[in-house]
Amino acid sequence: MSDSDAHKRKGEAQVEQWEAELKKLKAEAKEASADGQIKLEKKMDELRGKIDKARN
């Protein structure tokens, strides 16, 4: 495997990890209070931004 392939796979793994964390946060937000939902939405927005940036 070349260095660029390894780098690409590492990036893909990071995106998958962020997506899993995002899914977990969505589940938590469904059960959280209003204040908790606001905090979780902020975290989810940050993760979405990281995912979008990594994919582009």
PDB file of N, CA and C in Angstrom:
ATOM      1  N   MET A   1       0.834  -1.163   0.000  1.00  0.00           N
ATOM      2  CA  MET A   1       0.000   0.000   0.000  1.00  0.00           C
ATOM      3  C   MET A   1       0.888   1.238   0.000  1.00  0.00           C
ATOM      4  N   SER A   2       0.577   2.186  -0.868  1.00  0.00           N
ATOM      5  CA  SER A   2       1.375   3.404  -0.934  1.00  0.00           C
ATOM      6  C   SER A   2       0.999   4.343   0.210  1.00  0.00           C
ATOM      7  N   ASP A   3       1.858   5.327   0.399  1.00  0.00           N
ATOM      8  CA  ASP A   3       1.587   6.318   1.451  1.00  0.00           C
ATOM      9  C   ASP A   3       0.279   7.051   1.195  1.00  0.00           C
ATOM     10  N   SER A   4      -0.004   7.356  -0.071  1.00  0.00           N
ATOM     11  CA  SER A   4      -1.239   8.087  -0.367  1.00  0.00           C
ATOM     12  C   SER A   4      -2.465   7.212  -0.100  1.00  0.00           C
ATOM     13  N   ASP A   5      -2.369   5.911  -0.375  1.00  0.00           N
ATOM     14  CA  ASP A   5      -3.474   4.996  -0.067  1.00  0.00           C
ATOM     15  C   ASP A   5      -3.697   4.907   1.436  1.00  0.00           C
ATOM     16  N   ALA A   6      -2.621   4.838   2.179  1.00  0.00           N
ATOM     17  CA  ALA A   6      -2.718   4.762   3.633  1.00  0.00           C
ATOM     18  C   ALA A   6      -3.325   6.046   4.189  1.00  0.00           C
ATOM     19  N   HIS A   7      -2.907   7.174   3.652  1.00  0.00           N
ATOM     20  CA  HIS A   7      -3.442   8.460   4.100  1.00  0.00           C
ATOM     21  C   HIS A   7      -4.938   8.554   3.792  1.00  0.00           C
ATOM     22  N   LYS A   8      -5.316   8.095   2.607  1.00  0.00           N
ATOM     23  CA  LYS A   8      -6.726   8.129   2.209  1.00  0.00           C
ATOM     24  C   LYS A   8      -7.555   7.238   3.127  1.00  0.00           C
ATOM     25  N   ARG A   9      -7.072   6.048   3.420  1.00  0.00           N
ATOM     26  CA  ARG A   9      -7.800   5.136   4.305  1.00  0.00           C
ATOM     27  C   ARG A   9      -7.918   5.696   5.717  1.00  0.00           C
ATOM     28  N   LYS A  10      -6.876   6.353   6.159  1.00  0.00           N
ATOM     29  CA  LYS A  10      -6.919   6.961   7.487  1.00  0.00           C
ATOM     30  C   LYS A  10      -7.985   8.055   7.523  1.00  0.00           C
ATOM     31  N   GLY A  11      -8.051   8.844   6.472  1.00  0.00           N
ATOM     32  CA  GLY A  11      -9.068   9.892   6.386  1.00  0.00           C
ATOM     33  C   GLY A  11     -10.466   9.317   6.338  1.00  0.00           C
ATOM     34  N   GLU A  12     -10.641   8.241   5.586  1.00  0.00           N
ATOM     35  CA  GLU A  12     -11.944   7.583   5.499  1.00  0.00           C
ATOM     36  C   GLU A  12     -12.352   7.016   6.856  1.00  0.00           C
ATOM     37  N   ALA A  13     -11.397   6.456   7.569  1.00  0.00           N
ATOM     38  CA  ALA A  13     -11.676   5.911   8.899  1.00  0.00           C
ATOM     39  C   ALA A  13     -12.102   7.021   9.851  1.00  0.00           C
ATOM     40  N   GLN A  14     -11.467   8.184   9.742  1.00  0.00           N
ATOM     41  CA  GLN A  14     -11.832   9.312  10.598  1.00  0.00           C
ATOM     42  C   GLN A  14     -13.254   9.763  10.301  1.00  0.00           C
ATOM     43  N   VAL A  15     -13.606   9.847   9.025  1.00  0.00           N
ATOM     44  CA  VAL A  15     -14.965  10.240   8.649  1.00  0.00           C
ATOM     45  C   VAL A  15     -15.972   9.227   9.190  1.00  0.00           C
ATOM     46  N   GLU A  16     -15.676   7.954   9.086  1.00  0.00           N
ATOM     47  CA  GLU A  16     -16.572   6.930   9.612  1.00  0.00           C
ATOM     48  C   GLU A  16     -16.747   7.082  11.122  1.00  0.00           C
ATOM     49  N   GLN A  17     -15.668   7.412  11.813  1.00  0.00           N
ATOM     50  CA  GLN A  17     -15.743   7.611  13.256  1.00  0.00           C
ATOM     51  C   GLN A  17     -16.624   8.816  13.578  1.00  0.00           C
ATOM     52  N   TRP A  18     -16.467   9.912  12.854  1.00  0.00           N
ATOM     53  CA  TRP A  18     -17.291  11.094  13.073  1.00  0.00           C
ATOM     54  C   TRP A  18     -18.760  10.791  12.781  1.00  0.00           C
ATOM     55  N   GLU A  19     -19.017  10.027  11.721  1.00  0.00           N
ATOM     56  CA  GLU A  19     -20.397   9.673  11.385  1.00  0.00           C
ATOM     57  C   GLU A  19     -21.027   8.823  12.492  1.00  0.00           C
ATOM     58  N   ALA A  20     -20.258   7.908  13.068  1.00  0.00           N
ATOM     59  CA  ALA A  20     -20.764   7.088  14.170  1.00  0.00           C
ATOM     60  C   ALA A  20     -21.064   7.958  15.386  1.00  0.00           C
ATOM     61  N   GLU A  21     -20.185   8.913  15.667  1.00  0.00           N
ATOM     62  CA  GLU A  21     -20.400   9.818  16.793  1.00  0.00           C
ATOM     63  C   GLU A  21     -21.638  10.684  16.546  1.00  0.00           C
ATOM     64  N   LEU A  22     -21.817  11.123  15.307  1.00  0.00           N
ATOM     65  CA  LEU A  22     -22.978  11.925  14.950  1.00  0.00           C
ATOM     66  C   LEU A  22     -24.261  11.129  15.165  1.00  0.00           C
ATOM     67  N   LYS A  23     -24.266   9.885  14.776  1.00  0.00           N
ATOM     68  CA  LYS A  23     -25.433   9.024  14.959  1.00  0.00           C
ATOM     69  C   LYS A  23     -25.755   8.872  16.448  1.00  0.00           C
ATOM     70  N   LYS A  24     -24.733   8.699  17.256  1.00  0.00           N
ATOM     71  CA  LYS A  24     -24.910   8.566  18.704  1.00  0.00           C
ATOM     72  C   LYS A  24     -25.498   9.851  19.285  1.00  0.00           C
ATOM     73  N   LEU A  25     -24.975  10.995  18.857  1.00  0.00           N
ATOM     74  CA  LEU A  25     -25.474  12.269  19.354  1.00  0.00           C
ATOM     75  C   LEU A  25     -26.931  12.496  18.959  1.00  0.00           C
ATOM     76  N   LYS A  26     -27.305  12.088  17.761  1.00  0.00           N
ATOM     77  CA  LYS A  26     -28.698  12.217  17.323  1.00  0.00           C
ATOM     78  C   LYS A  26     -29.616  11.421  18.239  1.00  0.00           C
ATOM     79  N   ALA A  27     -29.196  10.224  18.602  1.00  0.00           N
ATOM     80  CA  ALA A  27     -29.992   9.394  19.500  1.00  0.00           C
ATOM     81  C   ALA A  27     -30.107  10.042  20.876  1.00  0.00           C
ATOM     82  N   GLU A  28     -29.013  10.599  21.373  1.00  0.00           N
ATOM     83  CA  GLU A  28     -29.027  11.270  22.673  1.00  0.00           C
ATOM     84  C   GLU A  28     -29.923  12.500  22.640  1.00  0.00           C
ATOM     85  N   ALA A  29     -29.924  13.228  21.531  1.00  0.00           N
ATOM     86  CA  ALA A  29     -30.710  14.454  21.414  1.00  0.00           C
ATOM     87  C   ALA A  29     -32.204  14.165  21.515  1.00  0.00           C
ATOM     88  N   LYS A  30     -32.622  13.018  21.037  1.00  0.00           N
ATOM     89  CA  LYS A  30     -34.034  12.660  21.096  1.00  0.00           C
ATOM     90  C   LYS A  30     -34.525  12.542  22.535  1.00  0.00           C
ATOM     91  N   GLU A  31     -33.629  12.187  23.436  1.00  0.00           N
ATOM     92  CA  GLU A  31     -34.004  11.952  24.823  1.00  0.00           C
ATOM     93  C   GLU A  31     -33.616  13.106  25.748  1.00  0.00           C
ATOM     94  N   ALA A  32     -32.906  14.072  25.253  1.00  0.00           N
ATOM     95  CA  ALA A  32     -32.363  15.145  26.095  1.00  0.00           C
ATOM     96  C   ALA A  32     -33.390  16.252  26.333  1.00  0.00           C
ATOM     97  N   SER A  33     -33.127  17.035  27.358  1.00  0.00           N
ATOM     98  CA  SER A  33     -33.943  18.218  27.634  1.00  0.00           C
ATOM     99  C   SER A  33     -33.678  19.258  26.538  1.00  0.00           C
ATOM    100  N   ALA A  34     -34.418  20.342  26.586  1.00  0.00           N
ATOM    101  CA  ALA A  34     -34.242  21.399  25.581  1.00  0.00           C
ATOM    102  C   ALA A  34     -32.821  21.947  25.596  1.00  0.00           C
ATOM    103  N   ASP A  35     -32.274  22.210  26.790  1.00  0.00           N
ATOM    104  CA  ASP A  35     -30.901  22.718  26.880  1.00  0.00           C
ATOM    105  C   ASP A  35     -29.909  21.683  26.368  1.00  0.00           C
ATOM    106  N   GLY A  36     -30.141  20.446  26.713  1.00  0.00           N
ATOM    107  CA  GLY A  36     -29.274  19.372  26.240  1.00  0.00           C
ATOM    108  C   GLY A  36     -29.318  19.230  24.737  1.00  0.00           C
ATOM    109  N   GLN A  37     -30.506  19.398  24.167  1.00  0.00           N
ATOM    110  CA  GLN A  37     -30.647  19.303  22.717  1.00  0.00           C
ATOM    111  C   GLN A  37     -29.865  20.406  22.017  1.00  0.00           C
ATOM    112  N   ILE A  38     -29.881  21.593  22.577  1.00  0.00           N
ATOM    113  CA  ILE A  38     -29.130  22.713  21.983  1.00  0.00           C
ATOM    114  C   ILE A  38     -27.635  22.403  21.970  1.00  0.00           C
ATOM    115  N   LYS A  39     -27.115  21.895  23.079  1.00  0.00           N
ATOM    116  CA  LYS A  39     -25.690  21.553  23.158  1.00  0.00           C
ATOM    117  C   LYS A  39     -25.338  20.441  22.176  1.00  0.00           C
ATOM    118  N   LEU A  40     -26.210  19.435  22.100  1.00  0.00           N
ATOM    119  CA  LEU A  40     -25.943  18.323  21.185  1.00  0.00           C
ATOM    120  C   LEU A  40     -26.027  18.763  19.730  1.00  0.00           C
ATOM    121  N   GLU A  41     -26.963  19.644  19.415  1.00  0.00           N
ATOM    122  CA  GLU A  41     -27.073  20.159  18.048  1.00  0.00           C
ATOM    123  C   GLU A  41     -25.797  20.898  17.648  1.00  0.00           C
ATOM    124  N   LYS A  42     -25.220  21.646  18.579  1.00  0.00           N
ATOM    125  CA  LYS A  42     -23.970  22.361  18.290  1.00  0.00           C
ATOM    126  C   LYS A  42     -22.851  21.371  17.976  1.00  0.00           C
ATOM    127  N   LYS A  43     -22.746  20.310  18.790  1.00  0.00           N
ATOM    128  CA  LYS A  43     -21.723  19.285  18.537  1.00  0.00           C
ATOM    129  C   LYS A  43     -21.956  18.610  17.191  1.00  0.00           C
ATOM    130  N   MET A  44     -23.233  18.326  16.887  1.00  0.00           N
ATOM    131  CA  MET A  44     -23.549  17.675  15.614  1.00  0.00           C
ATOM    132  C   MET A  44     -23.189  18.572  14.436  1.00  0.00           C
ATOM    133  N   ASP A  45     -23.457  19.873  14.558  1.00  0.00           N
ATOM    134  CA  ASP A  45     -23.090  20.805  13.488  1.00  0.00           C
ATOM    135  C   ASP A  45     -21.580  20.827  13.265  1.00  0.00           C
ATOM    136  N   GLU A  46     -20.821  20.801  14.361  1.00  0.00           N
ATOM    137  CA  GLU A  46     -19.362  20.780  14.241  1.00  0.00           C
ATOM    138  C   GLU A  46     -18.894  19.512  13.523  1.00  0.00           C
ATOM    139  N   LEU A  47     -19.483  18.375  13.886  1.00  0.00           N
ATOM    140  CA  LEU A  47     -19.102  17.120  13.229  1.00  0.00           C
ATOM    141  C   LEU A  47     -19.489  17.119  11.762  1.00  0.00           C
ATOM    142  N   ARG A  48     -20.668  17.632  11.454  1.00  0.00           N
ATOM    143  CA  ARG A  48     -21.086  17.706  10.043  1.00  0.00           C
ATOM    144  C   ARG A  48     -20.096  18.547   9.241  1.00  0.00           C
ATOM    145  N   GLY A  49     -19.642  19.649   9.832  1.00  0.00           N
ATOM    146  CA  GLY A  49     -18.654  20.497   9.163  1.00  0.00           C
ATOM    147  C   GLY A  49     -17.348  19.759   8.907  1.00  0.00           C
ATOM    148  N   LYS A  50     -16.886  19.010   9.889  1.00  0.00           N
ATOM    149  CA  LYS A  50     -15.648  18.233   9.729  1.00  0.00           C
ATOM    150  C   LYS A  50     -15.820  17.184   8.632  1.00  0.00           C
ATOM    151  N   ILE A  51     -16.968  16.509   8.648  1.00  0.00           N
ATOM    152  CA  ILE A  51     -17.233  15.473   7.649  1.00  0.00           C
ATOM    153  C   ILE A  51     -17.271  16.084   6.264  1.00  0.00           C
ATOM    154  N   ASP A  52     -17.997  17.186   6.102  1.00  0.00           N
ATOM    155  CA  ASP A  52     -18.078  17.848   4.793  1.00  0.00           C
ATOM    156  C   ASP A  52     -16.708  18.296   4.315  1.00  0.00           C
ATOM    157  N   LYS A  53     -15.927  18.877   5.216  1.00  0.00           N
ATOM    158  CA  LYS A  53     -14.583  19.340   4.852  1.00  0.00           C
ATOM    159  C   LYS A  53     -13.695  18.175   4.425  1.00  0.00           C
ATOM    160  N   ALA A  54     -13.785  17.073   5.137  1.00  0.00           N
ATOM    161  CA  ALA A  54     -12.952  15.901   4.816  1.00  0.00           C
ATOM    162  C   ALA A  54     -13.328  15.279   3.484  1.00  0.00           C
ATOM    163  N   ARG A  55     -14.595  15.354   3.147  1.00  0.00           N
ATOM    164  CA  ARG A  55     -15.061  14.754   1.889  1.00  0.00           C
ATOM    165  C   ARG A  55     -14.751  15.631   0.682  1.00  0.00           C
ATOM    166  N   ASN A  56     -14.543  16.901   0.881  1.00  0.00           N
ATOM    167  CA  ASN A  56     -14.284  17.818  -0.245  1.00  0.00           C
ATOM    168  C   ASN A  56     -12.858  18.094  -0.427  1.00  0.00           C
TER     169      ASN A  56
END
